[in-house]
C-alpha atoms as a PDB file:
ATOM      1  CA  MET A   1     113.038  78.785 147.696  1.00  0.00           C
ATOM      2  CA  ASN A   2     114.495  80.776 144.878  1.00  0.00           C
ATOM      3  CA  ASP A   3     114.507  84.662 144.479  1.00  0.00           C
ATOM      4  CA  TYR A   4     114.154  86.322 141.073  1.00  0.00           C
ATOM      5  CA  ARG A   5     113.326  89.885 142.139  1.00  0.00           C
ATOM      6  CA  GLY A   6     116.900  91.279 141.483  1.00  0.00           C
ATOM      7  CA  MET A   7     117.529  89.598 138.531  1.00  0.00           C
ATOM      8  CA  LYS A   8     116.663  91.538 135.025  1.00  0.00           C
ATOM      9  CA  LYS A   9     115.329  90.102 132.359  1.00  0.00           C
ATOM     10  CA  TRP A  10     117.673  89.413 129.201  1.00  0.00           C
ATOM     11  CA  ARG A  11     117.096  91.593 126.125  1.00  0.00           C
ATOM     12  CA  PRO A  12     119.045  90.490 123.368  1.00  0.00           C
ATOM     13  CA  PHE A  13     118.374  93.077 120.874  1.00  0.00           C
ATOM     14  CA  ALA A  14     118.093  96.037 123.405  1.00  0.00           C
ATOM     15  CA  SER A  15     120.761  95.123 125.583  1.00  0.00           C
ATOM     16  CA  MET A  16     122.965  98.363 124.618  1.00  0.00           C
ATOM     17  CA  PRO A  17     121.442 101.512 124.141  1.00  0.00           C
ATOM     18  CA  GLU A  18     123.871 102.096 120.917  1.00  0.00           C
ATOM     19  CA  GLN A  19     122.615  98.576 119.825  1.00  0.00           C
ATOM     20  CA  TYR A  20     118.845  99.838 120.060  1.00  0.00           C
ATOM     21  CA  THR A  21     119.359 102.788 118.567  1.00  0.00           C
ATOM     22  CA  GLY A  22     120.899 101.315 115.518  1.00  0.00           C
ATOM     23  CA  LEU A  23     118.127  98.532 115.087  1.00  0.00           C
ATOM     24  CA  GLN A  24     115.780 101.548 115.321  1.00  0.00           C
ATOM     25  CA  GLU A  25     117.444 103.171 112.440  1.00  0.00           C
ATOM     26  CA  VAL A  26     117.435 100.172 110.334  1.00  0.00           C
ATOM     27  CA  ILE A  27     113.749  99.358 110.798  1.00  0.00           C
ATOM     28  CA  ASN A  28     112.808 103.461 109.762  1.00  0.00           C
ATOM     29  CA  LYS A  29     115.014 103.478 106.532  1.00  0.00           C
ATOM     30  CA  GLN A  30     113.331 100.345 105.911  1.00  0.00           C
ATOM     31  CA  ALA A  31     109.810 101.824 106.010  1.00  0.00           C
ATOM     32  CA  GLU A  32     110.595 105.224 103.948  1.00  0.00           C
ATOM     33  CA  VAL A  33     108.875 105.669 101.077  1.00  0.00           C
ATOM     34  CA  PRO A  34     110.157 107.988  98.005  1.00  0.00           C
ATOM     35  CA  GLN A  35     108.685 111.443  98.285  1.00  0.00           C
ATOM     36  CA  PRO A  36     105.803 111.383  95.222  1.00  0.00           C
ATOM     37  CA  LEU A  37     106.148 113.764  92.416  1.00  0.00           C
ATOM     38  CA  LEU A  38     102.960 115.722  91.601  1.00  0.00           C
ATOM     39  CA  THR A  39     101.712 117.064  88.146  1.00  0.00           C
ATOM     40  CA  GLU A  40     101.279 120.550  87.557  1.00  0.00           C
ATOM     41  CA  GLU A  41      97.378 120.152  87.922  1.00  0.00           C
ATOM     42  CA  GLN A  42      97.615 118.337  91.203  1.00  0.00           C
ATOM     43  CA  MET A  43      99.971 121.099  92.315  1.00  0.00           C
ATOM     44  CA  GLU A  44      97.346 123.735  91.292  1.00  0.00           C
ATOM     45  CA  GLN A  45      94.448 121.849  92.801  1.00  0.00           C
ATOM     46  CA  ILE A  46      96.406 121.812  96.061  1.00  0.00           C
ATOM     47  CA  ASN A  47      96.810 125.544  96.025  1.00  0.00           C
ATOM     48  CA  PHE A  48      93.501 126.184  95.351  1.00  0.00           C
ATOM     49  CA  THR A  49      91.879 123.957  98.208  1.00  0.00           C
ATOM     50  CA  LEU A  50      94.739 125.836 100.319  1.00  0.00           C
ATOM     51  CA  ILE A  51      93.126 129.008  99.641  1.00  0.00           C
ATOM     52  CA  GLU A  52      89.585 128.221  99.950  1.00  0.00           C
ATOM     53  CA  ALA A  53      89.989 126.389 103.270  1.00  0.00           C
ATOM     54  CA  LEU A  54      91.992 129.818 104.453  1.00  0.00           C
ATOM     55  CA  HIS A  55      89.278 132.161 103.271  1.00  0.00           C
ATOM     56  CA  ALA A  56      86.627 129.841 104.709  1.00  0.00           C
ATOM     57  CA  ASN A  57      88.096 128.651 107.511  1.00  0.00           C
ATOM     58  CA  LYS A  58      87.367 125.015 106.482  1.00  0.00           C
ATOM     59  CA  GLN A  59      89.041 122.455 108.209  1.00  0.00           C
ATOM     60  CA  VAL A  60      91.217 119.999 105.954  1.00  0.00           C
ATOM     61  CA  TYR A  61      93.048 116.840 106.210  1.00  0.00           C
ATOM     62  CA  LEU A  62      96.775 117.553 105.268  1.00  0.00           C
ATOM     63  CA  THR A  63      98.776 115.072 103.814  1.00  0.00           C
ATOM     64  CA  TYR A  64     102.728 115.963 103.492  1.00  0.00           C
ATOM     65  CA  TYR A  65     105.999 114.228 103.289  1.00  0.00           C
ATOM     66  CA  LYS A  66     108.384 114.358 106.186  1.00  0.00           C
ATOM     67  CA  ASN A  67     111.531 112.009 106.885  1.00  0.00           C
ATOM     68  CA  GLY A  68     110.274 109.560 104.361  1.00  0.00           C
ATOM     69  CA  GLN A  69     107.265 109.073 105.471  1.00  0.00           C
ATOM     70  CA  ARG A  70     103.580 110.375 104.644  1.00  0.00           C
ATOM     71  CA  VAL A  71     102.090 112.075 107.387  1.00  0.00           C
ATOM     72  CA  THR A  72      98.303 113.069 107.412  1.00  0.00           C
ATOM     73  CA  GLN A  73      97.182 115.582 109.739  1.00  0.00           C
ATOM     74  CA  THR A  74      93.878 117.510 110.792  1.00  0.00           C
ATOM     75  CA  GLY A  75      93.676 121.212 110.992  1.00  0.00           C
ATOM     76  CA  PHE A  76      93.459 124.798 109.777  1.00  0.00           C
ATOM     77  CA  ILE A  77      95.221 126.953 107.057  1.00  0.00           C
ATOM     78  CA  GLN A  78      96.272 130.154 108.678  1.00  0.00           C
ATOM     79  CA  PHE A  79      98.861 131.222 106.055  1.00  0.00           C
ATOM     80  CA  VAL A  80      99.504 130.670 102.344  1.00  0.00           C
ATOM     81  CA  ASP A  81     102.247 132.365 100.293  1.00  0.00           C
ATOM     82  CA  SER A  82     102.492 130.707  96.893  1.00  0.00           C
ATOM     83  CA  LEU A  83     105.378 132.854  95.786  1.00  0.00           C
ATOM     84  CA  GLY A  84     107.312 132.176  98.737  1.00  0.00           C
ATOM     85  CA  ASN A  85     106.535 128.165  98.811  1.00  0.00           C
ATOM     86  CA  LEU A  86     105.307 128.352 102.206  1.00  0.00           C
ATOM     87  CA  PHE A  87     102.094 128.082 104.448  1.00  0.00           C
ATOM     88  CA  VAL A  88     100.797 127.692 108.216  1.00  0.00           C
ATOM     89  CA  PHE A  89      98.999 125.154 109.453  1.00  0.00           C
ATOM     90  CA  ILE A  90      97.376 124.728 112.437  1.00  0.00           C
ATOM     91  CA  ASP A  91      96.827 121.697 114.046  1.00  0.00           C
ATOM     92  CA  GLU A  92      93.660 120.418 115.430  1.00  0.00           C
ATOM     93  CA  VAL A  93      95.115 118.120 118.319  1.00  0.00           C
ATOM     94  CA  PHE A  94      97.768 120.489 120.044  1.00  0.00           C
ATOM     95  CA  GLU A  95      96.600 123.595 118.338  1.00  0.00           C
ATOM     96  CA  LEU A  96     100.624 124.472 117.011  1.00  0.00           C
ATOM     97  CA  LYS A  97     101.210 126.582 114.403  1.00  0.00           C
ATOM     98  CA  ASN A  98     103.673 124.284 111.771  1.00  0.00           C
ATOM     99  CA  LYS A  99     105.308 126.830 109.152  1.00  0.00           C
ATOM    100  CA  MET A 100     105.963 124.085 106.102  1.00  0.00           C
ATOM    101  CA  ARG A 101     106.832 124.128 102.708  1.00  0.00           C
ATOM    102  CA  LEU A 102     103.981 123.757  99.922  1.00  0.00           C
ATOM    103  CA  SER A 103     106.711 121.540  97.903  1.00  0.00           C
ATOM    104  CA  GLU A 104     106.188 119.055 100.901  1.00  0.00           C
ATOM    105  CA  LEU A 105     102.294 118.644 100.262  1.00  0.00           C
ATOM    106  CA  ILE A 106     101.336 115.211  98.698  1.00  0.00           C
ATOM    107  CA  ASP A 107      97.298 116.122  99.536  1.00  0.00           C
ATOM    108  CA  VAL A 108      94.928 119.091 100.975  1.00  0.00           C
ATOM    109  CA  ARG A 109      91.297 117.502 101.350  1.00  0.00           C
ATOM    110  CA  PHE A 110      88.020 119.136 103.214  1.00  0.00           C
ATOM    111  CA  VAL A 111      86.990 117.537 106.327  1.00  0.00           C
END
């Protein structure tokens, strides 16, 4: 009777942690997208939406650019500083405060 309990399954592409990390970096690089360039009108609309969401305490879908990816979260705007190029967003899931740059924003819409 053969006993296979002590044998480990061979994983050719993840046999060494360094190899796995390197492969994951290559996969992540291939999934990257360039940051979209917004028009002046789009940036103004985003700013107006942020300020309205702040004053009316409305929930928003926030899409931003981070590490080569488009990320969308749902939550509330707590603070907006247009001149300082930043705002504070509280995400719905973990209720964490996220300080972000306005220049990272791609889109803001009401839920």
